[in-house]
């Protein structure tokens, strides 16, 4: 099965709860070596 090139992926062994929250360093920003991360959460609590 071939993966879609636009499908988001996480490197093996990466702890997504920690590394994805880590800010890029100034050096990484200057080199353009960073990825913008958007977090989407779904709250299942019923407001009524």
C-alpha atoms as a PDB file:
ATOM      1  CA  UNK A   1       0.000   0.000   0.000  1.00  0.00           C
ATOM      2  CA  UNK A   2       1.417   3.362  -1.036  1.00  0.00           C
ATOM      3  CA  UNK A   3       1.167   6.324   1.326  1.00  0.00           C
ATOM      4  CA  UNK A   4      -0.261   9.664   0.275  1.00  0.00           C
ATOM      5  CA  UNK A   5       2.597  12.211   0.071  1.00  0.00           C
ATOM      6  CA  UNK A   6       0.441  14.785   1.898  1.00  0.00           C
ATOM      7  CA  UNK A   7      -0.507  12.451   4.753  1.00  0.00           C
ATOM      8  CA  UNK A   8       0.953  13.655   8.076  1.00  0.00           C
ATOM      9  CA  UNK A   9       3.393  11.255   9.688  1.00  0.00           C
ATOM     10  CA  UNK A  10       5.478  11.042  12.850  1.00  0.00           C
ATOM     11  CA  UNK A  11       8.965   9.590  12.902  1.00  0.00           C
ATOM     12  CA  UNK A  12       9.279   6.166  14.583  1.00  0.00           C
ATOM     13  CA  UNK A  13      10.190   6.491  18.251  1.00  0.00           C
ATOM     14  CA  UNK A  14       8.964  10.052  18.494  1.00  0.00           C
ATOM     15  CA  UNK A  15       6.972  10.842  21.640  1.00  0.00           C
ATOM     16  CA  UNK A  16       4.297  13.030  20.065  1.00  0.00           C
ATOM     17  CA  UNK A  17       3.011  14.396  23.363  1.00  0.00           C
ATOM     18  CA  UNK A  18       6.401  15.928  24.152  1.00  0.00           C
ATOM     19  CA  UNK A  19       8.369  16.613  20.957  1.00  0.00           C
ATOM     20  CA  UNK A  20       5.470  18.182  19.086  1.00  0.00           C
ATOM     21  CA  UNK A  21       5.134  20.813  21.817  1.00  0.00           C
ATOM     22  CA  UNK A  22       8.835  21.686  21.698  1.00  0.00           C
ATOM     23  CA  UNK A  23       9.585  25.079  20.126  1.00  0.00           C
ATOM     24  CA  UNK A  24      12.091  25.326  17.281  1.00  0.00           C
ATOM     25  CA  UNK A  25      15.401  26.971  18.140  1.00  0.00           C
ATOM     26  CA  UNK A  26      16.375  30.308  16.546  1.00  0.00           C
ATOM     27  CA  UNK A  27      18.908  28.442  14.402  1.00  0.00           C
ATOM     28  CA  UNK A  28      16.230  26.015  13.159  1.00  0.00           C
ATOM     29  CA  UNK A  29      13.864  28.916  12.434  1.00  0.00           C
ATOM     30  CA  UNK A  30      16.566  30.811  10.513  1.00  0.00           C
ATOM     31  CA  UNK A  31      17.320  27.708   8.424  1.00  0.00           C
ATOM     32  CA  UNK A  32      13.605  27.010   7.848  1.00  0.00           C
ATOM     33  CA  UNK A  33      14.131  23.639   9.542  1.00  0.00           C
ATOM     34  CA  UNK A  34      10.853  23.404  11.442  1.00  0.00           C
ATOM     35  CA  UNK A  35       7.278  22.249  10.975  1.00  0.00           C
ATOM     36  CA  UNK A  36       4.170  24.115  12.027  1.00  0.00           C
ATOM     37  CA  UNK A  37       2.089  21.852  14.263  1.00  0.00           C
ATOM     38  CA  UNK A  38      -1.650  22.271  14.759  1.00  0.00           C
ATOM     39  CA  UNK A  39      -3.382  20.358  17.537  1.00  0.00           C
ATOM     40  CA  UNK A  40      -7.055  19.547  17.243  1.00  0.00           C
ATOM     41  CA  UNK A  41      -8.924  18.195  20.240  1.00  0.00           C
ATOM     42  CA  UNK A  42     -12.506  17.053  20.486  1.00  0.00           C
ATOM     43  CA  UNK A  43     -14.338  17.615  23.752  1.00  0.00           C
ATOM     44  CA  UNK A  44     -16.977  14.919  24.141  1.00  0.00           C
ATOM     45  CA  UNK A  45     -18.588  16.420  27.240  1.00  0.00           C
ATOM     46  CA  UNK A  46     -22.263  17.211  26.698  1.00  0.00           C
ATOM     47  CA  UNK A  47     -22.936  20.833  27.803  1.00  0.00           C
ATOM     48  CA  UNK A  48     -26.540  20.129  28.827  1.00  0.00           C
END
